[in-house]
Amino acid sequence: MSEEPNLICAPEGTPIILPIQIKRKALKVEPFFGLITDQRIRRGVFKSVAELESAIMDYLDQHNAQPKPFVWTKSAGEILEKVARAKQPSESQH
């Protein structure tokens, strides 16, 4: 086998294969989770799950009121070069 398929584990531990369309959408959502974490979650103190959920919903409402497209700060080539460099040490150990 040349490469293993991209797998994730369901809560029960059952691996499932994701279609490429879902993987692409997940990659688009990750930067947004980073933003909401940095801009709202880490800056707050929440005494309950309900308070945290409320803070997230407030952030989403504010964000959606003035939406802006996500702008990549690196070119695709720069990102792929960094990925290739990151893989080199782990591949050389095998």
C-alpha atoms as a PDB file:
ATOM      1  CA  MET A   1       0.000   0.000   0.000  1.00  0.00           C
ATOM      2  CA  SER A   2       1.555   3.332  -1.052  1.00  0.00           C
ATOM      3  CA  GLU A   3      -0.333   5.566   1.359  1.00  0.00           C
ATOM      4  CA  GLU A   4      -2.918   5.020   4.028  1.00  0.00           C
ATOM      5  CA  PRO A   5      -6.227   6.792   3.407  1.00  0.00           C
ATOM      6  CA  ASN A   6      -6.908   9.826   5.553  1.00  0.00           C
ATOM      7  CA  LEU A   7      -8.641   8.476   8.633  1.00  0.00           C
ATOM      8  CA  ILE A   8     -10.236   9.999  11.683  1.00  0.00           C
ATOM      9  CA  CYS A   9     -11.605   8.209  14.710  1.00  0.00           C
ATOM     10  CA  ALA A  10     -15.230   8.502  15.612  1.00  0.00           C
ATOM     11  CA  PRO A  11     -16.002   8.914  19.327  1.00  0.00           C
ATOM     12  CA  GLU A  12     -16.425   5.156  19.604  1.00  0.00           C
ATOM     13  CA  GLY A  13     -12.958   4.676  18.107  1.00  0.00           C
ATOM     14  CA  THR A  14     -14.220   3.428  14.752  1.00  0.00           C
ATOM     15  CA  PRO A  15     -12.049   4.783  11.917  1.00  0.00           C
ATOM     16  CA  ILE A  16     -13.958   6.399   9.063  1.00  0.00           C
ATOM     17  CA  ILE A  17     -12.734   7.577   5.677  1.00  0.00           C
ATOM     18  CA  LEU A  18     -13.674  11.141   4.759  1.00  0.00           C
ATOM     19  CA  PRO A  19     -14.523  12.138   1.198  1.00  0.00           C
ATOM     20  CA  ILE A  20     -12.128  14.741  -0.212  1.00  0.00           C
ATOM     21  CA  GLN A  21     -14.867  17.433  -0.251  1.00  0.00           C
ATOM     22  CA  ILE A  22     -15.306  17.138   3.517  1.00  0.00           C
ATOM     23  CA  LYS A  23     -11.540  17.282   4.058  1.00  0.00           C
ATOM     24  CA  ARG A  24     -11.322  20.479   2.022  1.00  0.00           C
ATOM     25  CA  LYS A  25     -14.129  22.110   3.996  1.00  0.00           C
ATOM     26  CA  ALA A  26     -12.511  21.082   7.277  1.00  0.00           C
ATOM     27  CA  LEU A  27      -9.255  22.734   6.211  1.00  0.00           C
ATOM     28  CA  LYS A  28     -11.137  25.980   5.571  1.00  0.00           C
ATOM     29  CA  VAL A  29     -12.724  25.908   9.017  1.00  0.00           C
ATOM     30  CA  GLU A  30      -9.520  25.342  11.012  1.00  0.00           C
ATOM     31  CA  PRO A  31      -8.213  28.920  10.622  1.00  0.00           C
ATOM     32  CA  PHE A  32     -11.552  30.252  11.855  1.00  0.00           C
ATOM     33  CA  PHE A  33     -11.382  28.070  14.968  1.00  0.00           C
ATOM     34  CA  GLY A  34      -7.947  29.534  15.626  1.00  0.00           C
ATOM     35  CA  LEU A  35      -9.344  33.052  15.365  1.00  0.00           C
ATOM     36  CA  ILE A  36     -12.315  32.454  17.652  1.00  0.00           C
ATOM     37  CA  THR A  37     -10.030  30.752  20.167  1.00  0.00           C
ATOM     38  CA  ASP A  38      -7.547  33.647  20.184  1.00  0.00           C
ATOM     39  CA  GLN A  39     -10.050  36.490  19.967  1.00  0.00           C
ATOM     40  CA  ARG A  40     -12.779  35.281  22.305  1.00  0.00           C
ATOM     41  CA  ILE A  41     -12.313  32.030  24.182  1.00  0.00           C
ATOM     42  CA  ARG A  42      -8.837  32.664  25.649  1.00  0.00           C
ATOM     43  CA  ARG A  43      -9.813  36.217  26.601  1.00  0.00           C
ATOM     44  CA  GLY A  44     -12.826  35.189  28.627  1.00  0.00           C
ATOM     45  CA  VAL A  45     -13.635  33.582  31.942  1.00  0.00           C
ATOM     46  CA  PHE A  46     -16.599  31.241  31.808  1.00  0.00           C
ATOM     47  CA  LYS A  47     -18.268  29.840  34.897  1.00  0.00           C
ATOM     48  CA  SER A  48     -20.413  27.390  32.967  1.00  0.00           C
ATOM     49  CA  VAL A  49     -20.779  25.704  29.615  1.00  0.00           C
ATOM     50  CA  ALA A  50     -23.827  27.907  28.992  1.00  0.00           C
ATOM     51  CA  GLU A  51     -21.668  31.050  29.410  1.00  0.00           C
ATOM     52  CA  LEU A  52     -19.079  29.663  26.997  1.00  0.00           C
ATOM     53  CA  GLU A  53     -21.763  28.771  24.454  1.00  0.00           C
ATOM     54  CA  SER A  54     -23.274  32.239  24.796  1.00  0.00           C
ATOM     55  CA  ALA A  55     -19.873  33.888  24.264  1.00  0.00           C
ATOM     56  CA  ILE A  56     -19.273  31.790  21.137  1.00  0.00           C
ATOM     57  CA  MET A  57     -22.716  32.638  19.734  1.00  0.00           C
ATOM     58  CA  ASP A  58     -22.152  36.357  20.438  1.00  0.00           C
ATOM     59  CA  TYR A  59     -18.795  36.173  18.640  1.00  0.00           C
ATOM     60  CA  LEU A  60     -20.398  34.431  15.656  1.00  0.00           C
ATOM     61  CA  ASP A  61     -23.180  37.027  15.493  1.00  0.00           C
ATOM     62  CA  GLN A  62     -20.635  39.873  15.510  1.00  0.00           C
ATOM     63  CA  HIS A  63     -18.390  38.125  12.998  1.00  0.00           C
ATOM     64  CA  ASN A  64     -21.279  37.386  10.633  1.00  0.00           C
ATOM     65  CA  ALA A  65     -22.562  40.965  10.841  1.00  0.00           C
ATOM     66  CA  GLN A  66     -19.368  42.161   9.104  1.00  0.00           C
ATOM     67  CA  PRO A  67     -17.956  39.131   7.280  1.00  0.00           C
ATOM     68  CA  LYS A  68     -14.507  39.300   5.704  1.00  0.00           C
ATOM     69  CA  PRO A  69     -12.898  36.639   3.540  1.00  0.00           C
ATOM     70  CA  PHE A  70      -9.986  34.763   5.053  1.00  0.00           C
ATOM     71  CA  VAL A  71      -6.751  35.892   3.378  1.00  0.00           C
ATOM     72  CA  TRP A  72      -3.793  33.539   3.272  1.00  0.00           C
ATOM     73  CA  THR A  73      -0.536  35.283   4.178  1.00  0.00           C
ATOM     74  CA  LYS A  74       1.649  32.694   2.440  1.00  0.00           C
ATOM     75  CA  SER A  75       1.548  31.391  -1.109  1.00  0.00           C
ATOM     76  CA  ALA A  76       0.672  27.756  -1.777  1.00  0.00           C
ATOM     77  CA  GLY A  77       4.302  27.137  -2.744  1.00  0.00           C
ATOM     78  CA  GLU A  78       5.605  28.523   0.556  1.00  0.00           C
ATOM     79  CA  ILE A  79       3.160  26.383   2.529  1.00  0.00           C
ATOM     80  CA  LEU A  80       4.044  23.227   0.589  1.00  0.00           C
ATOM     81  CA  GLU A  81       7.786  23.887   1.027  1.00  0.00           C
ATOM     82  CA  LYS A  82       7.304  24.155   4.788  1.00  0.00           C
ATOM     83  CA  VAL A  83       5.289  20.927   4.843  1.00  0.00           C
ATOM     84  CA  ALA A  84       8.036  19.174   2.879  1.00  0.00           C
ATOM     85  CA  ARG A  85      10.696  20.445   5.308  1.00  0.00           C
ATOM     86  CA  ALA A  86       8.616  19.303   8.289  1.00  0.00           C
ATOM     87  CA  LYS A  87       8.306  15.781   6.841  1.00  0.00           C
ATOM     88  CA  GLN A  88      12.042  15.317   6.205  1.00  0.00           C
ATOM     89  CA  PRO A  89      13.189  14.561   9.790  1.00  0.00           C
ATOM     90  CA  SER A  90      10.358  12.102  10.470  1.00  0.00           C
ATOM     91  CA  GLU A  91      10.892  10.251   7.174  1.00  0.00           C
ATOM     92  CA  SER A  92      14.657   9.974   7.706  1.00  0.00           C
ATOM     93  CA  GLN A  93      14.135   8.129  11.018  1.00  0.00           C
ATOM     94  CA  HIS A  94      12.348   5.188   9.353  1.00  0.00           C
END
